[in-house]
Amino acid sequence: YPTNKDCHQRITLEENVAVKLTFLEFFLESDDNCHYDWMKIYDGGSSDSQVIGGKLCGTNVPEQIVSSTNELIVAFHSDDNDVYGGYRIKVETGRTQNIHF
């Protein structure tokens, strides 16, 4: 991935369908506090939504992420130094469960 990037990818599916992200590859700059290069997954259609899994960085492949709604935002930031291999994410759909009595 290039340096000095701020990218936001919004994923929107049909109503009552959850977004499921599976990380196939994950190679970002490693730092205990993820200050340099990082990713955040927002559980909703804006960057004001709750972050799922915290700020992600390093080379440990994150656990699968499932949204609580039909939208997610994948935010990625890189600083002006080292570059790594980046990431590859599989996006799948899943039905949200509605329980009726």
PDB file of N, CA and C in Angstrom:
ATOM      1  N   TYR A   1       0.834  -1.185   0.000  1.00  0.00           N
ATOM      2  CA  TYR A   1       0.000   0.000   0.000  1.00  0.00           C
ATOM      3  C   TYR A   1       0.876   1.244   0.000  1.00  0.00           C
ATOM      4  N   PRO A   2       0.374   2.341  -0.514  1.00  0.00           N
ATOM      5  CA  PRO A   2       1.158   3.582  -0.577  1.00  0.00           C
ATOM      6  C   PRO A   2       1.191   4.302   0.773  1.00  0.00           C
ATOM      7  N   THR A   3       2.115   5.252   0.886  1.00  0.00           N
ATOM      8  CA  THR A   3       2.207   6.067   2.107  1.00  0.00           C
ATOM      9  C   THR A   3       1.180   7.201   2.048  1.00  0.00           C
ATOM     10  N   ASN A   4       0.938   7.787   3.221  1.00  0.00           N
ATOM     11  CA  ASN A   4       0.058   8.966   3.362  1.00  0.00           C
ATOM     12  C   ASN A   4      -1.326   8.769   2.760  1.00  0.00           C
ATOM     13  N   LYS A   5      -1.979   7.689   3.121  1.00  0.00           N
ATOM     14  CA  LYS A   5      -3.323   7.416   2.602  1.00  0.00           C
ATOM     15  C   LYS A   5      -4.336   7.361   3.739  1.00  0.00           C
ATOM     16  N   ASP A   6      -5.495   7.900   3.480  1.00  0.00           N
ATOM     17  CA  ASP A   6      -6.663   7.768   4.336  1.00  0.00           C
ATOM     18  C   ASP A   6      -7.818   7.345   3.443  1.00  0.00           C
ATOM     19  N   CYS A   7      -8.258   6.110   3.603  1.00  0.00           N
ATOM     20  CA  CYS A   7      -9.305   5.550   2.751  1.00  0.00           C
ATOM     21  C   CYS A   7     -10.476   5.096   3.615  1.00  0.00           C
ATOM     22  N   HIS A   8     -11.680   5.320   3.117  1.00  0.00           N
ATOM     23  CA  HIS A   8     -12.895   4.846   3.766  1.00  0.00           C
ATOM     24  C   HIS A   8     -13.733   4.106   2.732  1.00  0.00           C
ATOM     25  N   GLN A   9     -13.944   2.830   2.958  1.00  0.00           N
ATOM     26  CA  GLN A   9     -14.760   2.019   2.061  1.00  0.00           C
ATOM     27  C   GLN A   9     -16.056   1.664   2.774  1.00  0.00           C
ATOM     28  N   ARG A  10     -17.161   2.151   2.246  1.00  0.00           N
ATOM     29  CA  ARG A  10     -18.471   1.868   2.845  1.00  0.00           C
ATOM     30  C   ARG A  10     -19.070   0.643   2.163  1.00  0.00           C
ATOM     31  N   ILE A  11     -19.527  -0.307   2.973  1.00  0.00           N
ATOM     32  CA  ILE A  11     -20.168  -1.519   2.470  1.00  0.00           C
ATOM     33  C   ILE A  11     -21.615  -1.489   2.932  1.00  0.00           C
ATOM     34  N   THR A  12     -22.539  -1.507   1.975  1.00  0.00           N
ATOM     35  CA  THR A  12     -23.966  -1.475   2.288  1.00  0.00           C
ATOM     36  C   THR A  12     -24.658  -2.640   1.601  1.00  0.00           C
ATOM     37  N   LEU A  13     -25.398  -3.416   2.384  1.00  0.00           N
ATOM     38  CA  LEU A  13     -26.165  -4.536   1.861  1.00  0.00           C
ATOM     39  C   LEU A  13     -27.650  -4.251   2.037  1.00  0.00           C
ATOM     40  N   GLU A  14     -28.493  -5.150   1.543  1.00  0.00           N
ATOM     41  CA  GLU A  14     -29.934  -4.968   1.687  1.00  0.00           C
ATOM     42  C   GLU A  14     -30.335  -5.010   3.164  1.00  0.00           C
ATOM     43  N   GLU A  15     -31.514  -4.490   3.465  1.00  0.00           N
ATOM     44  CA  GLU A  15     -32.016  -4.479   4.842  1.00  0.00           C
ATOM     45  C   GLU A  15     -32.049  -5.892   5.425  1.00  0.00           C
ATOM     46  N   ASN A  16     -31.855  -6.002   6.729  1.00  0.00           N
ATOM     47  CA  ASN A  16     -31.877  -7.261   7.484  1.00  0.00           C
ATOM     48  C   ASN A  16     -30.797  -8.250   7.063  1.00  0.00           C
ATOM     49  N   VAL A  17     -29.722  -7.743   6.477  1.00  0.00           N
ATOM     50  CA  VAL A  17     -28.582  -8.585   6.115  1.00  0.00           C
ATOM     51  C   VAL A  17     -27.337  -8.021   6.797  1.00  0.00           C
ATOM     52  N   ALA A  18     -26.661  -8.850   7.552  1.00  0.00           N
ATOM     53  CA  ALA A  18     -25.431  -8.422   8.214  1.00  0.00           C
ATOM     54  C   ALA A  18     -24.259  -8.512   7.238  1.00  0.00           C
ATOM     55  N   VAL A  19     -23.237  -7.722   7.492  1.00  0.00           N
ATOM     56  CA  VAL A  19     -22.005  -7.764   6.706  1.00  0.00           C
ATOM     57  C   VAL A  19     -20.994  -8.605   7.489  1.00  0.00           C
ATOM     58  N   LYS A  20     -20.426  -9.600   6.834  1.00  0.00           N
ATOM     59  CA  LYS A  20     -19.422 -10.460   7.472  1.00  0.00           C
ATOM     60  C   LYS A  20     -18.093 -10.269   6.766  1.00  0.00           C
ATOM     61  N   LEU A  21     -17.067  -9.895   7.514  1.00  0.00           N
ATOM     62  CA  LEU A  21     -15.720  -9.707   6.974  1.00  0.00           C
ATOM     63  C   LEU A  21     -14.811 -10.818   7.482  1.00  0.00           C
ATOM     64  N   THR A  22     -14.119 -11.471   6.548  1.00  0.00           N
ATOM     65  CA  THR A  22     -13.119 -12.468   6.897  1.00  0.00           C
ATOM     66  C   THR A  22     -11.790 -11.981   6.338  1.00  0.00           C
ATOM     67  N   PHE A  23     -10.804 -11.835   7.199  1.00  0.00           N
ATOM     68  CA  PHE A  23      -9.483 -11.353   6.785  1.00  0.00           C
ATOM     69  C   PHE A  23      -8.678 -12.524   6.235  1.00  0.00           C
ATOM     70  N   LEU A  24      -8.295 -12.431   4.969  1.00  0.00           N
ATOM     71  CA  LEU A  24      -7.503 -13.466   4.313  1.00  0.00           C
ATOM     72  C   LEU A  24      -6.013 -13.182   4.442  1.00  0.00           C
ATOM     73  N   GLU A  25      -5.633 -11.916   4.399  1.00  0.00           N
ATOM     74  CA  GLU A  25      -4.248 -11.466   4.592  1.00  0.00           C
ATOM     75  C   GLU A  25      -4.288 -10.171   5.377  1.00  0.00           C
ATOM     76  N   PHE A  26      -3.270  -9.956   6.208  1.00  0.00           N
ATOM     77  CA  PHE A  26      -3.214  -8.731   6.997  1.00  0.00           C
ATOM     78  C   PHE A  26      -1.754  -8.431   7.348  1.00  0.00           C
ATOM     79  N   PHE A  27      -1.182  -7.441   6.673  1.00  0.00           N
ATOM     80  CA  PHE A  27       0.221  -7.069   6.880  1.00  0.00           C
ATOM     81  C   PHE A  27       0.331  -5.549   6.932  1.00  0.00           C
ATOM     82  N   LEU A  28       0.150  -4.987   8.130  1.00  0.00           N
ATOM     83  CA  LEU A  28       0.299  -3.545   8.337  1.00  0.00           C
ATOM     84  C   LEU A  28       1.473  -3.310   9.273  1.00  0.00           C
ATOM     85  N   GLU A  29       1.944  -2.076   9.297  1.00  0.00           N
ATOM     86  CA  GLU A  29       3.048  -1.726  10.194  1.00  0.00           C
ATOM     87  C   GLU A  29       2.637  -2.019  11.633  1.00  0.00           C
ATOM     88  N   SER A  30       3.536  -2.642  12.386  1.00  0.00           N
ATOM     89  CA  SER A  30       3.239  -3.058  13.749  1.00  0.00           C
ATOM     90  C   SER A  30       3.669  -1.997  14.753  1.00  0.00           C
ATOM     91  N   ASP A  31       2.799  -1.749  15.725  1.00  0.00           N
ATOM     92  CA  ASP A  31       3.070  -0.799  16.806  1.00  0.00           C
ATOM     93  C   ASP A  31       2.092  -1.128  17.932  1.00  0.00           C
ATOM     94  N   ASP A  32       2.547  -1.095  19.168  1.00  0.00           N
ATOM     95  CA  ASP A  32       1.681  -1.458  20.295  1.00  0.00           C
ATOM     96  C   ASP A  32       0.381  -0.663  20.335  1.00  0.00           C
ATOM     97  N   ASN A  33       0.419   0.592  19.930  1.00  0.00           N
ATOM     98  CA  ASN A  33      -0.770   1.447  19.978  1.00  0.00           C
ATOM     99  C   ASN A  33      -1.335   1.776  18.597  1.00  0.00           C
ATOM    100  N   CYS A  34      -0.795   1.143  17.567  1.00  0.00           N
ATOM    101  CA  CYS A  34      -1.264   1.357  16.184  1.00  0.00           C
ATOM    102  C   CYS A  34      -1.266   2.840  15.813  1.00  0.00           C
ATOM    103  N   HIS A  35      -0.175   3.526  16.070  1.00  0.00           N
ATOM    104  CA  HIS A  35      -0.074   4.956  15.748  1.00  0.00           C
ATOM    105  C   HIS A  35       0.224   5.225  14.279  1.00  0.00           C
ATOM    106  N   TYR A  36       0.862   4.307  13.587  1.00  0.00           N
ATOM    107  CA  TYR A  36       1.402   4.590  12.264  1.00  0.00           C
ATOM    108  C   TYR A  36       0.447   4.195  11.136  1.00  0.00           C
ATOM    109  N   ASP A  37       0.336   2.921  10.870  1.00  0.00           N
ATOM    110  CA  ASP A  37      -0.591   2.422   9.859  1.00  0.00           C
ATOM    111  C   ASP A  37      -1.648   1.607  10.596  1.00  0.00           C
ATOM    112  N   TRP A  38      -2.912   1.807  10.267  1.00  0.00           N
ATOM    113  CA  TRP A  38      -3.962   1.111  11.000  1.00  0.00           C
ATOM    114  C   TRP A  38      -5.246   0.997  10.201  1.00  0.00           C
ATOM    115  N   MET A  39      -6.131   0.158  10.715  1.00  0.00           N
ATOM    116  CA  MET A  39      -7.457  -0.038  10.151  1.00  0.00           C
ATOM    117  C   MET A  39      -8.468   0.005  11.288  1.00  0.00           C
ATOM    118  N   LYS A  40      -9.648   0.570  10.990  1.00  0.00           N
ATOM    119  CA  LYS A  40     -10.782   0.531  11.906  1.00  0.00           C
ATOM    120  C   LYS A  40     -12.000   0.070  11.116  1.00  0.00           C
ATOM    121  N   ILE A  41     -12.835  -0.736  11.771  1.00  0.00           N
ATOM    122  CA  ILE A  41     -14.084  -1.189  11.169  1.00  0.00           C
ATOM    123  C   ILE A  41     -15.219  -0.559  11.969  1.00  0.00           C
ATOM    124  N   TYR A  42     -16.029   0.274  11.312  1.00  0.00           N
ATOM    125  CA  TYR A  42     -17.147   0.948  11.964  1.00  0.00           C
ATOM    126  C   TYR A  42     -18.430   0.153  11.722  1.00  0.00           C
ATOM    127  N   ASP A  43     -19.168  -0.089  12.785  1.00  0.00           N
ATOM    128  CA  ASP A  43     -20.397  -0.875  12.738  1.00  0.00           C
ATOM    129  C   ASP A  43     -21.578   0.022  12.377  1.00  0.00           C
ATOM    130  N   GLY A  44     -21.615   0.455  11.132  1.00  0.00           N
ATOM    131  CA  GLY A  44     -22.679   1.338  10.666  1.00  0.00           C
ATOM    132  C   GLY A  44     -22.192   2.135   9.473  1.00  0.00           C
ATOM    133  N   GLY A  45     -23.029   3.067   9.027  1.00  0.00           N
ATOM    134  CA  GLY A  45     -22.747   3.791   7.803  1.00  0.00           C
ATOM    135  C   GLY A  45     -21.982   5.081   7.953  1.00  0.00           C
ATOM    136  N   SER A  46     -21.435   5.360   9.150  1.00  0.00           N
ATOM    137  CA  SER A  46     -20.652   6.587   9.312  1.00  0.00           C
ATOM    138  C   SER A  46     -19.469   6.343  10.239  1.00  0.00           C
ATOM    139  N   SER A  47     -18.521   7.248  10.195  1.00  0.00           N
ATOM    140  CA  SER A  47     -17.347   7.129  11.064  1.00  0.00           C
ATOM    141  C   SER A  47     -17.667   7.541  12.502  1.00  0.00           C
ATOM    142  N   ASP A  48     -18.920   7.898  12.768  1.00  0.00           N
ATOM    143  CA  ASP A  48     -19.375   8.136  14.141  1.00  0.00           C
ATOM    144  C   ASP A  48     -19.914   6.855  14.776  1.00  0.00           C
ATOM    145  N   SER A  49     -20.041   5.789  13.982  1.00  0.00           N
ATOM    146  CA  SER A  49     -20.538   4.504  14.483  1.00  0.00           C
ATOM    147  C   SER A  49     -19.491   3.861  15.390  1.00  0.00           C
ATOM    148  N   GLN A  50     -19.936   2.894  16.167  1.00  0.00           N
ATOM    149  CA  GLN A  50     -19.044   2.170  17.077  1.00  0.00           C
ATOM    150  C   GLN A  50     -17.992   1.401  16.285  1.00  0.00           C
ATOM    151  N   VAL A  51     -16.757   1.375  16.807  1.00  0.00           N
ATOM    152  CA  VAL A  51     -15.662   0.627  16.187  1.00  0.00           C
ATOM    153  C   VAL A  51     -15.708  -0.819  16.691  1.00  0.00           C
ATOM    154  N   ILE A  52     -15.642  -1.762  15.752  1.00  0.00           N
ATOM    155  CA  ILE A  52     -15.618  -3.188  16.100  1.00  0.00           C
ATOM    156  C   ILE A  52     -14.164  -3.646  16.155  1.00  0.00           C
ATOM    157  N   GLY A  53     -13.752  -4.224  17.259  1.00  0.00           N
ATOM    158  CA  GLY A  53     -12.418  -4.816  17.359  1.00  0.00           C
ATOM    159  C   GLY A  53     -11.286  -3.842  17.616  1.00  0.00           C
ATOM    160  N   GLY A  54     -11.593  -2.570  17.839  1.00  0.00           N
ATOM    161  CA  GLY A  54     -10.550  -1.586  18.114  1.00  0.00           C
ATOM    162  C   GLY A  54      -9.745  -1.218  16.879  1.00  0.00           C
ATOM    163  N   LYS A  55      -8.649  -0.535  17.099  1.00  0.00           N
ATOM    164  CA  LYS A  55      -7.749  -0.134  16.008  1.00  0.00           C
ATOM    165  C   LYS A  55      -6.848  -1.321  15.691  1.00  0.00           C
ATOM    166  N   LEU A  56      -6.781  -1.707  14.418  1.00  0.00           N
ATOM    167  CA  LEU A  56      -6.049  -2.901  13.996  1.00  0.00           C
ATOM    168  C   LEU A  56      -4.754  -2.539  13.283  1.00  0.00           C
ATOM    169  N   CYS A  57      -3.681  -3.260  13.603  1.00  0.00           N
ATOM    170  CA  CYS A  57      -2.407  -3.087  12.906  1.00  0.00           C
ATOM    171  C   CYS A  57      -1.572  -4.334  13.120  1.00  0.00           C
ATOM    172  N   GLY A  58      -0.382  -4.367  12.533  1.00  0.00           N
ATOM    173  CA  GLY A  58       0.509  -5.508  12.703  1.00  0.00           C
ATOM    174  C   GLY A  58       0.260  -6.602  11.682  1.00  0.00           C
ATOM    175  N   THR A  59       0.655  -7.816  12.027  1.00  0.00           N
ATOM    176  CA  THR A  59       0.562  -8.924  11.079  1.00  0.00           C
ATOM    177  C   THR A  59      -0.305 -10.076  11.578  1.00  0.00           C
ATOM    178  N   ASN A  60      -0.890  -9.940  12.766  1.00  0.00           N
ATOM    179  CA  ASN A  60      -1.819 -10.971  13.238  1.00  0.00           C
ATOM    180  C   ASN A  60      -3.150 -10.793  12.530  1.00  0.00           C
ATOM    181  N   VAL A  61      -3.615 -11.832  11.868  1.00  0.00           N
ATOM    182  CA  VAL A  61      -4.871 -11.762  11.125  1.00  0.00           C
ATOM    183  C   VAL A  61      -6.021 -11.592  12.124  1.00  0.00           C
ATOM    184  N   PRO A  62      -6.819 -10.516  11.977  1.00  0.00           N
ATOM    185  CA  PRO A  62      -7.937 -10.286  12.908  1.00  0.00           C
ATOM    186  C   PRO A  62      -9.006 -11.373  12.792  1.00  0.00           C
ATOM    187  N   GLU A  63      -9.771 -11.519  13.873  1.00  0.00           N
ATOM    188  CA  GLU A  63     -10.906 -12.436  13.881  1.00  0.00           C
ATOM    189  C   GLU A  63     -11.964 -11.947  12.899  1.00  0.00           C
ATOM    190  N   GLN A  64     -12.841 -12.836  12.515  1.00  0.00           N
ATOM    191  CA  GLN A  64     -13.954 -12.477  11.636  1.00  0.00           C
ATOM    192  C   GLN A  64     -14.816 -11.414  12.315  1.00  0.00           C
ATOM    193  N   ILE A  65     -15.314 -10.471  11.525  1.00  0.00           N
ATOM    194  CA  ILE A  65     -16.140  -9.381  12.035  1.00  0.00           C
ATOM    195  C   ILE A  65     -17.510  -9.464  11.379  1.00  0.00           C
ATOM    196  N   VAL A  66     -18.563  -9.334  12.197  1.00  0.00           N
ATOM    197  CA  VAL A  66     -19.929  -9.333  11.695  1.00  0.00           C
ATOM    198  C   VAL A  66     -20.616  -8.079  12.213  1.00  0.00           C
ATOM    199  N   SER A  67     -21.255  -7.355  11.305  1.00  0.00           N
ATOM    200  CA  SER A  67     -21.926  -6.114  11.680  1.00  0.00           C
ATOM    201  C   SER A  67     -23.250  -6.402  12.389  1.00  0.00           C
ATOM    202  N   SER A  68     -23.752  -5.393  13.094  1.00  0.00           N
ATOM    203  CA  SER A  68     -25.068  -5.514  13.725  1.00  0.00           C
ATOM    204  C   SER A  68     -26.162  -4.940  12.820  1.00  0.00           C
ATOM    205  N   THR A  69     -25.739  -4.265  11.748  1.00  0.00           N
ATOM    206  CA  THR A  69     -26.678  -3.702  10.782  1.00  0.00           C
ATOM    207  C   THR A  69     -26.257  -4.142   9.386  1.00  0.00           C
ATOM    208  N   ASN A  70     -26.846  -3.527   8.372  1.00  0.00           N
ATOM    209  CA  ASN A  70     -26.499  -3.873   6.992  1.00  0.00           C
ATOM    210  C   ASN A  70     -25.369  -3.015   6.427  1.00  0.00           C
ATOM    211  N   GLU A  71     -24.678  -2.251   7.287  1.00  0.00           N
ATOM    212  CA  GLU A  71     -23.602  -1.378   6.817  1.00  0.00           C
ATOM    213  C   GLU A  71     -22.360  -1.479   7.688  1.00  0.00           C
ATOM    214  N   LEU A  72     -21.222  -1.326   7.040  1.00  0.00           N
ATOM    215  CA  LEU A  72     -19.916  -1.230   7.707  1.00  0.00           C
ATOM    216  C   LEU A  72     -19.091  -0.198   6.954  1.00  0.00           C
ATOM    217  N   ILE A  73     -18.143   0.397   7.649  1.00  0.00           N
ATOM    218  CA  ILE A  73     -17.127   1.219   6.996  1.00  0.00           C
ATOM    219  C   ILE A  73     -15.764   0.648   7.376  1.00  0.00           C
ATOM    220  N   VAL A  74     -14.948   0.389   6.362  1.00  0.00           N
ATOM    221  CA  VAL A  74     -13.565  -0.034   6.571  1.00  0.00           C
ATOM    222  C   VAL A  74     -12.699   1.201   6.351  1.00  0.00           C
ATOM    223  N   ALA A  75     -12.052   1.665   7.415  1.00  0.00           N
ATOM    224  CA  ALA A  75     -11.182   2.843   7.349  1.00  0.00           C
ATOM    225  C   ALA A  75      -9.732   2.386   7.452  1.00  0.00           C
ATOM    226  N   PHE A  76      -8.894   2.920   6.567  1.00  0.00           N
ATOM    227  CA  PHE A  76      -7.474   2.573   6.549  1.00  0.00           C
ATOM    228  C   PHE A  76      -6.646   3.844   6.527  1.00  0.00           C
ATOM    229  N   HIS A  77      -5.561   3.847   7.318  1.00  0.00           N
ATOM    230  CA  HIS A  77      -4.644   4.998   7.365  1.00  0.00           C
ATOM    231  C   HIS A  77      -3.210   4.493   7.269  1.00  0.00           C
ATOM    232  N   SER A  78      -2.403   5.172   6.454  1.00  0.00           N
ATOM    233  CA  SER A  78      -0.962   4.903   6.435  1.00  0.00           C
ATOM    234  C   SER A  78      -0.217   6.222   6.638  1.00  0.00           C
ATOM    235  N   ASP A  79       0.914   6.134   7.326  1.00  0.00           N
ATOM    236  CA  ASP A  79       1.716   7.330   7.571  1.00  0.00           C
ATOM    237  C   ASP A  79       2.697   7.542   6.414  1.00  0.00           C
ATOM    238  N   ASP A  80       3.696   8.385   6.640  1.00  0.00           N
ATOM    239  CA  ASP A  80       4.617   8.740   5.549  1.00  0.00           C
ATOM    240  C   ASP A  80       5.883   7.883   5.518  1.00  0.00           C
ATOM    241  N   ASN A  81       5.917   6.798   6.297  1.00  0.00           N
ATOM    242  CA  ASN A  81       7.106   5.945   6.310  1.00  0.00           C
ATOM    243  C   ASN A  81       6.810   4.557   5.770  1.00  0.00           C
ATOM    244  N   ASP A  82       7.338   3.557   6.414  1.00  0.00           N
ATOM    245  CA  ASP A  82       7.329   2.165   5.962  1.00  0.00           C
ATOM    246  C   ASP A  82       5.997   1.712   5.353  1.00  0.00           C
ATOM    247  N   VAL A  83       6.107   0.892   4.329  1.00  0.00           N
ATOM    248  CA  VAL A  83       4.935   0.268   3.723  1.00  0.00           C
ATOM    249  C   VAL A  83       5.050  -1.248   3.841  1.00  0.00           C
ATOM    250  N   TYR A  84       3.896  -1.899   3.930  1.00  0.00           N
ATOM    251  CA  TYR A  84       3.844  -3.349   4.092  1.00  0.00           C
ATOM    252  C   TYR A  84       2.927  -3.930   3.020  1.00  0.00           C
ATOM    253  N   GLY A  85       2.614  -5.201   3.123  1.00  0.00           N
ATOM    254  CA  GLY A  85       1.846  -5.895   2.091  1.00  0.00           C
ATOM    255  C   GLY A  85       0.375  -5.545   2.012  1.00  0.00           C
ATOM    256  N   GLY A  86      -0.175  -4.942   3.056  1.00  0.00           N
ATOM    257  CA  GLY A  86      -1.580  -4.563   3.037  1.00  0.00           C
ATOM    258  C   GLY A  86      -2.487  -5.662   3.557  1.00  0.00           C
ATOM    259  N   TYR A  87      -3.679  -5.718   3.001  1.00  0.00           N
ATOM    260  CA  TYR A  87      -4.671  -6.659   3.491  1.00  0.00           C
ATOM    261  C   TYR A  87      -5.575  -7.125   2.359  1.00  0.00           C
ATOM    262  N   ARG A  88      -6.217  -8.257   2.607  1.00  0.00           N
ATOM    263  CA  ARG A  88      -7.221  -8.794   1.703  1.00  0.00           C
ATOM    264  C   ARG A  88      -8.373  -9.279   2.566  1.00  0.00           C
ATOM    265  N   ILE A  89      -9.579  -8.825   2.230  1.00  0.00           N
ATOM    266  CA  ILE A  89     -10.751  -9.134   3.038  1.00  0.00           C
ATOM    267  C   ILE A  89     -11.831  -9.749   2.157  1.00  0.00           C
ATOM    268  N   LYS A  90     -12.417 -10.824   2.633  1.00  0.00           N
ATOM    269  CA  LYS A  90     -13.562 -11.438   1.971  1.00  0.00           C
ATOM    270  C   LYS A  90     -14.830 -10.872   2.609  1.00  0.00           C
ATOM    271  N   VAL A  91     -15.746 -10.365   1.772  1.00  0.00           N
ATOM    272  CA  VAL A  91     -17.007  -9.802   2.250  1.00  0.00           C
ATOM    273  C   VAL A  91     -18.117 -10.793   1.928  1.00  0.00           C
ATOM    274  N   GLU A  92     -18.882 -11.155   2.957  1.00  0.00           N
ATOM    275  CA  GLU A  92     -19.998 -12.076   2.786  1.00  0.00           C
ATOM    276  C   GLU A  92     -21.252 -11.494   3.425  1.00  0.00           C
ATOM    277  N   THR A  93     -22.386 -12.071   3.087  1.00  0.00           N
ATOM    278  CA  THR A  93     -23.642 -11.646   3.697  1.00  0.00           C
ATOM    279  C   THR A  93     -24.081 -12.674   4.716  1.00  0.00           C
ATOM    280  N   GLY A  94     -24.845 -12.218   5.665  1.00  0.00           N
ATOM    281  CA  GLY A  94     -25.435 -13.097   6.663  1.00  0.00           C
ATOM    282  C   GLY A  94     -26.749 -12.490   7.122  1.00  0.00           C
ATOM    283  N   ARG A  95     -27.721 -13.318   7.357  1.00  0.00           N
ATOM    284  CA  ARG A  95     -29.012 -12.824   7.802  1.00  0.00           C
ATOM    285  C   ARG A  95     -28.942 -12.427   9.268  1.00  0.00           C
ATOM    286  N   THR A  96     -29.497 -11.281   9.586  1.00  0.00           N
ATOM    287  CA  THR A  96     -29.632 -10.914  10.982  1.00  0.00           C
ATOM    288  C   THR A  96     -30.809 -11.692  11.528  1.00  0.00           C
ATOM    289  N   GLN A  97     -30.799 -11.997  12.806  1.00  0.00           N
ATOM    290  CA  GLN A  97     -31.860 -12.806  13.386  1.00  0.00           C
ATOM    291  C   GLN A  97     -32.881 -11.924  14.073  1.00  0.00           C
ATOM    292  N   ASN A  98     -34.128 -12.095  13.675  1.00  0.00           N
ATOM    293  CA  ASN A  98     -35.241 -11.440  14.336  1.00  0.00           C
ATOM    294  C   ASN A  98     -36.067 -12.521  15.001  1.00  0.00           C
ATOM    295  N   ILE A  99     -36.280 -12.403  16.283  1.00  0.00           N
ATOM    296  CA  ILE A  99     -37.053 -13.404  17.028  1.00  0.00           C
ATOM    297  C   ILE A  99     -38.450 -12.852  17.243  1.00  0.00           C
ATOM    298  N   HIS A 100     -39.445 -13.612  16.814  1.00  0.00           N
ATOM    299  CA  HIS A 100     -40.839 -13.191  16.960  1.00  0.00           C
ATOM    300  C   HIS A 100     -41.542 -14.152  17.904  1.00  0.00           C
ATOM    301  N   PHE A 101     -42.410 -13.627  18.777  1.00  0.00           N
ATOM    302  CA  PHE A 101     -43.186 -14.455  19.699  1.00  0.00           C
ATOM    303  C   PHE A 101     -44.638 -14.427  19.305  1.00  0.00           C
TER     304      PHE A 101
END
